[in-house]
Amino acid sequence: MRRAVALLGVVGVAFMVPAAARATSNATVVFGVDRHVVRFGHEVTFGGQVADADSVQQVDVIRRVENRKRLVISDVTVRADGTFTKAIPVRTPGAFFARARVTDNGDQKTIASAERTVAVRPILKTRWRGSRTLGRTAVIRGRVVPRAAGTLKRTARGRTRTIRLSARGYFRTSFRLDRPRDLSVRLAVVPRARYRGTTRRMHRDVVLPYLGYGSHGRAVRILERYLAHRQYALPRVNRSYTLTTVQAVWAFQKVHGLARTGRVGPRLWRKIGRSHRPRAILARGSHIEISKSRQVIFEVRRGKVVNVLHTSTGATGNTPVGKFHVYWKSPGYNALGMYYSMYFLRGFAVHGYHSVPPYPASHGCARIPIWAARGLYYRWGVGTTVRVFG
């Protein structure tokens, strides 16, 4: 009752009620609403006053949707002073008005108020399903109520797409967890006429698995794809964590000054996810760089690193430092087990070898994995500049 009295006491302000539509007499209907946007199914309080009428037989609240009228509630209780209020759950937006049947100067008349628009904000229900693990699939299921409210859009990883709704507003959308970082999703209902938009932001913590030699699955493919994209050499990208994967991980760990374990855990996953292509020590021209301190080889084209190779230089530190040029190339194996050798100073060469540990172990040459030697050999010719850094 207190709410009704307060509502009527400010009818000219809270309900925004200007002059109502008039009949030929002085009888009028003043009409308003306590809110113009309501969540689906929540109540709106309608109220007003019938003025200058001898008596009021009936007051109805009507909703107009496009060109159609629909009775919302009939025979609203009218007080002795002509005021009325009624709280009604609103599920469909529209323009509402009050229609009163009155006796005025002995005549039976029907008068109507000005219209008041009420918009509806839909309910967006969501929940996570599926996996949290990298390489698996996460799913969002939910419902838009009412279905007619608009179109559902999802935005994730910088891309926006439309999600299909069923006849009752249910939806399902999935995400392949193929990035070593948490997933953030924005769901938004793009509203139709007289509805309002609504959004929901959702966050999924992605579990980053431990991987090592012998691991298998989608997570291995994701790891190898990230390494290859950052120019760490691999013969192929697949689902198997073999020695070639270990060597690429070693190369990454060397470049970033990390422990050379050849294994990947959550911390290294995040490091890989945030990393970029390494920078050349000498960022100009085309040449081969050998870093003794980091035990890696950079292939540099026009100042940019295009390939990072795991290497092992001289065990005693005897690999010479300086600027050299490839003066001789030897294909295949030689008597010392060197494979596709590229000599840059006396007997010092870059070559493939069956053993390439993550630390200096050679007699002075720069060893690289057997699978990488042939490609390097044919990518660079005699005269290639080789820069060896301490």
Protein backbone atom coordinates (compact mmCIF):
# COMPACT_ATOMS: atom_id res chain seq x y z
CA MET A 1 0.00 0.00 0.00
CA ARG A 2 2.86 2.36 0.83
CA ARG A 3 4.39 1.70 -2.60
CA ALA A 4 1.07 2.47 -4.30
CA VAL A 5 0.69 5.76 -2.38
CA ALA A 6 4.27 6.80 -3.16
CA LEU A 7 3.82 5.82 -6.82
CA LEU A 8 0.69 7.91 -7.19
CA GLY A 9 2.20 10.81 -5.28
CA VAL A 10 4.82 11.24 -8.00
CA VAL A 11 2.69 10.16 -10.92
CA GLY A 12 3.68 13.17 -12.97
CA VAL A 13 7.41 12.41 -12.55
CA ALA A 14 7.90 8.66 -12.07
CA PHE A 15 5.33 7.75 -14.70
CA MET A 16 6.19 10.62 -17.06
CA VAL A 17 2.53 11.35 -17.73
CA PRO A 18 1.70 14.31 -19.95
CA ALA A 19 -1.82 15.13 -21.10
CA ALA A 20 -3.80 11.99 -21.88
CA ALA A 21 -5.93 11.30 -24.90
CA ARG A 22 -9.31 12.95 -24.28
CA ALA A 23 -12.92 12.22 -25.15
CA THR A 24 -15.28 15.08 -26.02
CA SER A 25 -15.85 15.70 -22.28
CA ASN A 26 -13.42 16.63 -19.52
CA ALA A 27 -12.83 13.01 -18.39
CA THR A 28 -9.21 11.90 -18.80
CA VAL A 29 -6.95 8.95 -17.99
CA VAL A 30 -3.43 9.59 -16.73
CA PHE A 31 -1.19 6.51 -17.04
CA GLY A 32 2.43 5.57 -16.40
CA VAL A 33 4.90 2.80 -15.54
CA ASP A 34 7.57 2.58 -12.85
CA ARG A 35 10.22 1.33 -15.28
CA HIS A 36 10.69 1.30 -19.05
CA VAL A 37 13.11 -1.64 -19.24
CA VAL A 38 12.40 -4.86 -17.37
CA ARG A 39 14.03 -8.26 -17.24
CA PHE A 40 11.93 -11.00 -18.82
CA GLY A 41 9.17 -12.16 -16.46
CA HIS A 42 9.77 -9.47 -13.84
CA GLU A 43 7.02 -7.14 -12.69
CA VAL A 44 6.25 -3.65 -13.90
CA THR A 45 3.93 -1.52 -11.81
CA PHE A 46 1.33 0.27 -13.91
CA GLY A 47 -0.61 3.12 -12.35
CA GLY A 48 -2.55 6.28 -12.98
CA GLN A 49 -5.75 8.16 -12.36
CA VAL A 50 -9.09 8.67 -14.01
CA ALA A 51 -10.01 12.34 -13.58
CA ASP A 52 -13.15 14.45 -14.04
CA ALA A 53 -15.51 11.49 -14.48
CA ASP A 54 -18.78 11.05 -12.61
CA SER A 55 -18.00 7.37 -12.09
CA VAL A 56 -15.65 4.65 -13.39
CA GLN A 57 -17.12 1.34 -14.47
CA GLN A 58 -13.88 -0.42 -15.54
CA VAL A 59 -10.18 0.20 -16.25
CA ASP A 60 -8.17 -2.18 -18.46
CA VAL A 61 -4.44 -2.26 -19.26
CA ILE A 62 -3.79 -2.94 -22.95
CA ARG A 63 -0.56 -3.82 -24.75
CA ARG A 64 -0.02 -2.82 -28.37
CA VAL A 65 2.42 -4.95 -30.34
CA GLU A 66 2.91 -3.54 -33.82
CA ASN A 67 -0.67 -2.94 -35.07
CA ARG A 68 -2.36 -5.42 -32.76
CA LYS A 69 -3.86 -4.81 -29.35
CA ARG A 70 -3.98 -7.37 -26.58
CA LEU A 71 -5.67 -7.11 -23.21
CA VAL A 72 -3.09 -7.55 -20.45
CA ILE A 73 -5.32 -7.24 -17.42
CA SER A 74 -9.00 -6.49 -17.17
CA ASP A 75 -11.00 -4.61 -14.55
CA VAL A 76 -8.21 -2.97 -12.55
CA THR A 77 -9.34 -1.90 -9.09
CA VAL A 78 -9.96 1.84 -8.99
CA ARG A 79 -9.98 3.73 -5.69
CA ALA A 80 -12.54 6.34 -4.67
CA ASP A 81 -10.28 9.18 -5.86
CA GLY A 82 -9.91 7.58 -9.31
CA THR A 83 -6.38 6.26 -8.78
CA PHE A 84 -5.23 2.77 -9.63
CA THR A 85 -2.04 0.65 -9.54
CA LYS A 86 -1.27 -2.87 -10.65
CA ALA A 87 1.96 -4.90 -10.77
CA ILE A 88 2.08 -7.20 -13.79
CA PRO A 89 4.85 -9.65 -14.92
CA VAL A 90 5.98 -8.57 -18.40
CA ARG A 91 7.26 -11.19 -20.85
CA THR A 92 6.57 -9.45 -24.15
CA PRO A 93 7.63 -5.87 -24.90
CA GLY A 94 5.21 -3.33 -26.31
CA ALA A 95 3.41 -0.04 -25.84
CA PHE A 96 0.97 -0.11 -22.92
CA PHE A 97 -1.99 2.15 -22.27
CA ALA A 98 -5.01 2.31 -19.98
CA ARG A 99 -8.59 2.21 -21.28
CA ALA A 100 -11.43 3.29 -19.00
CA ARG A 101 -15.21 3.02 -19.27
CA VAL A 102 -16.73 5.95 -17.42
CA THR A 103 -19.97 7.83 -16.89
CA ASP A 104 -19.54 11.49 -17.72
CA ASN A 105 -22.46 13.92 -17.63
CA GLY A 106 -24.81 10.97 -17.78
CA ASP A 107 -23.19 9.45 -20.86
CA GLN A 108 -21.32 6.12 -21.07
CA LYS A 109 -17.91 6.75 -22.63
CA THR A 110 -14.63 4.91 -23.26
CA ILE A 111 -11.45 6.95 -22.92
CA ALA A 112 -7.79 5.94 -23.37
CA SER A 113 -4.47 7.22 -22.04
CA ALA A 114 -1.25 7.96 -23.84
CA GLU A 115 0.98 4.93 -24.48
CA ARG A 116 4.01 3.98 -22.41
CA THR A 117 6.67 1.74 -23.93
CA VAL A 118 8.18 -1.10 -21.93
CA ALA A 119 11.21 -2.95 -23.33
CA VAL A 120 12.22 -6.46 -22.20
CA ARG A 121 15.74 -7.61 -21.44
CA PRO A 122 16.07 -11.36 -22.12
CA ILE A 123 17.56 -13.91 -19.75
CA LEU A 124 20.82 -15.48 -20.93
CA LYS A 125 21.55 -18.76 -19.12
CA THR A 126 24.98 -20.36 -19.59
CA ARG A 127 27.14 -23.12 -18.16
CA TRP A 128 30.47 -24.73 -19.04
CA ARG A 129 30.68 -28.36 -20.09
CA GLY A 130 33.41 -30.50 -21.65
CA SER A 131 37.11 -30.51 -20.78
CA ARG A 132 39.55 -27.98 -19.34
CA THR A 133 42.69 -29.67 -20.70
CA LEU A 134 44.77 -28.25 -23.53
CA GLY A 135 44.07 -30.13 -26.74
CA ARG A 136 40.54 -31.10 -25.69
CA THR A 137 37.20 -29.38 -26.32
CA ALA A 138 35.30 -27.06 -23.99
CA VAL A 139 31.57 -26.50 -24.48
CA ILE A 140 29.14 -23.78 -23.44
CA ARG A 141 25.49 -24.78 -23.21
CA GLY A 142 22.68 -22.40 -22.45
CA ARG A 143 19.42 -20.78 -23.34
CA VAL A 144 18.09 -17.39 -24.42
CA VAL A 145 14.67 -16.60 -22.92
CA PRO A 146 12.61 -15.62 -24.82
CA ARG A 147 13.85 -17.05 -28.11
CA ALA A 148 12.37 -14.09 -30.01
CA ALA A 149 14.59 -11.57 -28.16
CA GLY A 150 17.30 -11.49 -30.81
CA THR A 151 20.42 -13.10 -32.25
CA LEU A 152 23.13 -14.65 -30.09
CA LYS A 153 26.74 -13.78 -30.88
CA ARG A 154 29.93 -15.13 -29.35
CA THR A 155 33.29 -13.38 -29.34
CA ALA A 156 36.45 -15.29 -28.48
CA ARG A 157 40.09 -14.93 -29.51
CA GLY A 158 39.31 -11.84 -31.53
CA ARG A 159 36.63 -13.48 -33.68
CA THR A 160 32.85 -13.06 -33.59
CA ARG A 161 30.32 -15.57 -34.90
CA THR A 162 26.58 -16.21 -34.68
CA ILE A 163 25.32 -19.11 -32.56
CA ARG A 164 22.24 -20.98 -33.75
CA LEU A 165 19.33 -21.10 -31.33
CA SER A 166 16.78 -23.90 -31.20
CA ALA A 167 13.05 -23.22 -31.39
CA ARG A 168 12.99 -22.87 -27.60
CA GLY A 169 16.16 -20.80 -27.39
CA TYR A 170 18.64 -23.54 -26.40
CA PHE A 171 22.18 -23.41 -27.81
CA ARG A 172 25.51 -25.21 -27.72
CA THR A 173 28.88 -23.81 -28.82
CA SER A 174 32.27 -25.50 -28.55
CA PHE A 175 35.90 -24.38 -28.39
CA ARG A 176 39.00 -26.36 -29.19
CA LEU A 177 41.49 -25.60 -26.42
CA ASP A 178 44.46 -25.20 -28.75
CA ARG A 179 46.29 -22.31 -27.07
CA PRO A 180 48.37 -22.46 -23.88
CA ARG A 181 46.36 -19.72 -22.19
CA ASP A 182 43.01 -19.34 -20.49
CA LEU A 183 39.90 -18.86 -22.62
CA SER A 184 37.70 -15.77 -22.35
CA VAL A 185 34.33 -15.69 -24.13
CA ARG A 186 31.77 -12.92 -24.51
CA LEU A 187 28.20 -13.94 -25.31
CA ALA A 188 25.81 -11.19 -26.39
CA VAL A 189 22.18 -11.09 -27.44
CA VAL A 190 21.81 -8.61 -30.29
CA PRO A 191 18.24 -7.45 -29.66
CA ARG A 192 15.27 -7.17 -31.97
CA ALA A 193 12.81 -4.26 -31.78
CA ARG A 194 11.62 -3.33 -28.25
CA TYR A 195 14.01 -5.83 -26.67
CA ARG A 196 17.28 -4.87 -24.99
CA GLY A 197 20.64 -6.53 -25.33
CA THR A 198 22.28 -8.62 -22.66
CA THR A 199 25.81 -9.97 -22.36
CA ARG A 200 27.66 -12.61 -20.38
CA ARG A 201 31.43 -12.93 -20.02
CA MET A 202 32.77 -16.39 -19.29
CA HIS A 203 36.26 -17.55 -18.35
CA ARG A 204 37.76 -21.02 -18.63
CA ASP A 205 41.01 -21.94 -16.89
CA VAL A 206 42.93 -24.19 -19.29
CA VAL A 207 44.88 -27.04 -17.71
CA LEU A 208 48.35 -27.25 -19.28
CA PRO A 209 49.57 -30.87 -19.31
CA TYR A 210 53.06 -32.17 -18.57
CA LEU A 211 54.69 -33.56 -21.72
CA GLY A 212 57.91 -35.40 -22.31
CA TYR A 213 59.55 -38.05 -24.47
CA GLY A 214 56.93 -40.66 -25.36
CA SER A 215 53.89 -38.41 -24.88
CA HIS A 216 51.22 -38.56 -27.55
CA GLY A 217 48.10 -36.64 -28.52
CA ARG A 218 46.69 -33.30 -29.53
CA ALA A 219 48.67 -31.39 -26.91
CA VAL A 220 51.91 -32.58 -28.55
CA ARG A 221 50.72 -31.31 -31.91
CA ILE A 222 49.87 -27.93 -30.37
CA LEU A 223 53.33 -27.74 -28.77
CA GLU A 224 55.09 -28.57 -32.03
CA ARG A 225 52.94 -26.12 -33.96
CA TYR A 226 53.88 -23.32 -31.57
CA LEU A 227 57.58 -24.16 -31.78
CA ALA A 228 57.53 -24.38 -35.57
CA HIS A 229 55.69 -21.05 -35.82
CA ARG A 230 58.49 -19.48 -33.79
CA GLN A 231 61.06 -20.95 -36.21
CA TYR A 232 62.34 -23.80 -34.02
CA ALA A 233 63.32 -26.56 -36.43
CA LEU A 234 61.24 -29.74 -36.60
CA PRO A 235 61.11 -32.32 -39.41
CA ARG A 236 57.30 -32.47 -39.09
CA VAL A 237 54.42 -31.50 -36.81
CA ASN A 238 52.54 -34.50 -35.47
CA ARG A 239 51.07 -35.98 -32.28
CA SER A 240 54.18 -37.85 -31.08
CA TYR A 241 56.77 -36.46 -28.65
CA THR A 242 59.90 -37.99 -30.13
CA LEU A 243 63.61 -37.08 -29.98
CA THR A 244 63.05 -34.36 -32.59
CA THR A 245 60.49 -32.73 -30.26
CA VAL A 246 62.95 -32.97 -27.37
CA GLN A 247 65.60 -31.25 -29.51
CA ALA A 248 63.25 -28.42 -30.47
CA VAL A 249 62.32 -27.95 -26.79
CA TRP A 250 66.01 -27.91 -25.90
CA ALA A 251 66.57 -25.19 -28.49
CA PHE A 252 63.75 -23.11 -27.02
CA GLN A 253 65.05 -23.58 -23.48
CA LYS A 254 68.57 -22.60 -24.57
CA VAL A 255 67.41 -19.43 -26.32
CA HIS A 256 65.50 -18.33 -23.21
CA GLY A 257 68.18 -19.34 -20.68
CA LEU A 258 66.09 -22.10 -19.09
CA ALA A 259 67.07 -25.50 -17.72
CA ARG A 260 67.59 -27.89 -20.62
CA THR A 261 65.18 -30.64 -19.58
CA GLY A 262 63.49 -31.36 -22.91
CA ARG A 263 60.19 -31.59 -21.01
CA VAL A 264 57.24 -29.19 -20.93
CA GLY A 265 55.17 -28.26 -17.88
CA PRO A 266 52.70 -25.42 -17.18
CA ARG A 267 55.39 -22.75 -16.68
CA LEU A 268 57.13 -23.60 -19.95
CA TRP A 269 53.78 -23.78 -21.76
CA ARG A 270 53.01 -20.21 -20.69
CA LYS A 271 56.52 -19.11 -21.72
CA ILE A 272 56.09 -20.65 -25.16
CA GLY A 273 52.64 -19.09 -25.54
CA ARG A 274 53.98 -15.60 -24.82
CA SER A 275 57.17 -15.96 -26.89
CA HIS A 276 58.05 -14.69 -30.35
CA ARG A 277 60.55 -15.50 -33.08
CA PRO A 278 64.09 -15.08 -31.68
CA ARG A 279 66.13 -12.10 -32.80
CA ALA A 280 69.40 -12.52 -34.64
CA ILE A 281 72.56 -11.45 -32.85
CA LEU A 282 73.50 -9.52 -35.98
CA ALA A 283 70.16 -8.35 -37.39
CA ARG A 284 71.25 -7.60 -40.95
CA GLY A 285 72.17 -9.59 -44.02
CA SER A 286 71.96 -13.35 -44.58
CA HIS A 287 74.28 -15.67 -42.69
CA ILE A 288 74.56 -18.52 -40.18
CA GLU A 289 75.05 -17.67 -36.50
CA ILE A 290 76.50 -20.13 -33.99
CA SER A 291 76.10 -19.22 -30.33
CA LYS A 292 78.47 -21.13 -28.06
CA SER A 293 76.91 -19.77 -24.86
CA ARG A 294 73.39 -20.78 -25.86
CA GLN A 295 74.33 -23.82 -27.96
CA VAL A 296 72.02 -22.92 -30.86
CA ILE A 297 72.39 -22.11 -34.54
CA PHE A 298 70.36 -19.34 -36.18
CA GLU A 299 69.76 -19.28 -39.90
CA VAL A 300 69.38 -15.59 -40.71
CA ARG A 301 67.85 -14.22 -43.91
CA ARG A 302 67.76 -10.45 -44.43
CA GLY A 303 68.30 -9.87 -40.75
CA LYS A 304 65.55 -12.21 -39.50
CA VAL A 305 65.89 -15.64 -37.94
CA VAL A 306 64.19 -18.19 -40.20
CA ASN A 307 65.36 -21.37 -38.45
CA VAL A 308 66.66 -22.27 -34.98
CA LEU A 309 68.70 -25.46 -34.65
CA HIS A 310 69.82 -27.29 -31.56
CA THR A 311 73.62 -27.70 -31.63
CA SER A 312 76.54 -28.97 -29.58
CA THR A 313 79.91 -27.23 -29.99
CA GLY A 314 83.42 -28.08 -28.74
CA ALA A 315 83.57 -29.79 -25.36
CA THR A 316 86.73 -27.90 -24.44
CA GLY A 317 85.42 -24.58 -25.78
CA ASN A 318 87.75 -24.82 -28.77
CA THR A 319 85.17 -23.92 -31.43
CA PRO A 320 86.75 -20.75 -32.93
CA VAL A 321 84.96 -17.41 -32.48
CA GLY A 322 84.80 -14.92 -35.33
CA LYS A 323 83.59 -14.33 -38.87
CA PHE A 324 84.22 -17.11 -41.38
CA HIS A 325 82.97 -18.35 -44.73
CA VAL A 326 82.03 -21.81 -45.93
CA TYR A 327 84.95 -22.86 -48.15
CA TRP A 328 84.08 -26.51 -48.74
CA LYS A 329 81.05 -28.80 -48.52
CA SER A 330 81.05 -32.58 -48.20
CA PRO A 331 77.81 -34.49 -48.86
CA GLY A 332 76.79 -37.70 -47.07
CA TYR A 333 78.83 -39.38 -44.36
CA ASN A 334 82.60 -39.22 -44.05
CA ALA A 335 84.91 -41.61 -42.19
CA LEU A 336 84.36 -39.74 -38.92
CA GLY A 337 80.60 -40.10 -39.03
CA MET A 338 80.09 -36.45 -39.97
CA TYR A 339 76.99 -36.03 -42.15
CA TYR A 340 76.60 -33.37 -44.85
CA SER A 341 79.46 -31.21 -43.59
CA MET A 342 79.97 -27.48 -44.24
CA TYR A 343 83.57 -26.45 -43.43
CA PHE A 344 84.25 -22.85 -42.42
CA LEU A 345 87.79 -23.00 -40.94
CA ARG A 346 90.35 -25.77 -41.41
CA GLY A 347 88.65 -28.91 -40.02
CA PHE A 348 85.89 -27.02 -38.23
CA ALA A 349 82.47 -27.57 -39.75
CA VAL A 350 78.74 -27.54 -39.17
CA HIS A 351 77.55 -31.11 -39.69
CA GLY A 352 75.02 -33.72 -38.72
CA TYR A 353 75.92 -36.25 -36.07
CA HIS A 354 74.25 -39.18 -34.32
CA SER A 355 74.81 -37.66 -30.86
CA VAL A 356 73.88 -34.03 -30.18
CA PRO A 357 73.47 -33.53 -26.41
CA PRO A 358 72.21 -30.22 -24.97
CA TYR A 359 75.74 -29.23 -23.86
CA PRO A 360 79.16 -28.82 -25.56
CA ALA A 361 80.40 -32.30 -26.48
CA SER A 362 82.10 -32.18 -29.89
CA HIS A 363 85.78 -32.07 -30.87
CA GLY A 364 85.27 -28.46 -32.02
CA CYS A 365 82.67 -28.64 -34.79
CA ALA A 366 79.05 -27.53 -34.43
CA ARG A 367 76.99 -30.72 -34.40
CA ILE A 368 73.34 -30.69 -35.45
CA PRO A 369 70.78 -33.54 -35.57
CA ILE A 370 71.10 -35.93 -38.53
CA TRP A 371 67.58 -35.08 -39.76
CA ALA A 372 68.45 -31.37 -40.01
CA ALA A 373 71.86 -31.62 -41.71
CA ARG A 374 70.81 -32.28 -45.30
CA GLY A 375 68.38 -29.36 -45.38
CA LEU A 376 70.94 -26.93 -43.96
CA TYR A 377 73.53 -28.21 -46.44
CA TYR A 378 71.35 -27.46 -49.46
CA ARG A 379 70.02 -24.12 -48.17
CA TRP A 380 73.48 -22.57 -47.93
CA GLY A 381 76.28 -22.63 -50.49
CA VAL A 382 80.03 -22.17 -50.57
CA GLY A 383 80.88 -18.61 -49.56
CA THR A 384 78.14 -18.41 -46.91
CA THR A 385 79.12 -16.23 -43.96
CA VAL A 386 79.35 -18.12 -40.66
CA ARG A 387 79.54 -16.01 -37.50
CA VAL A 388 80.54 -17.78 -34.31
CA PHE A 389 79.79 -15.95 -31.04
CA GLY A 390 81.14 -16.81 -27.63
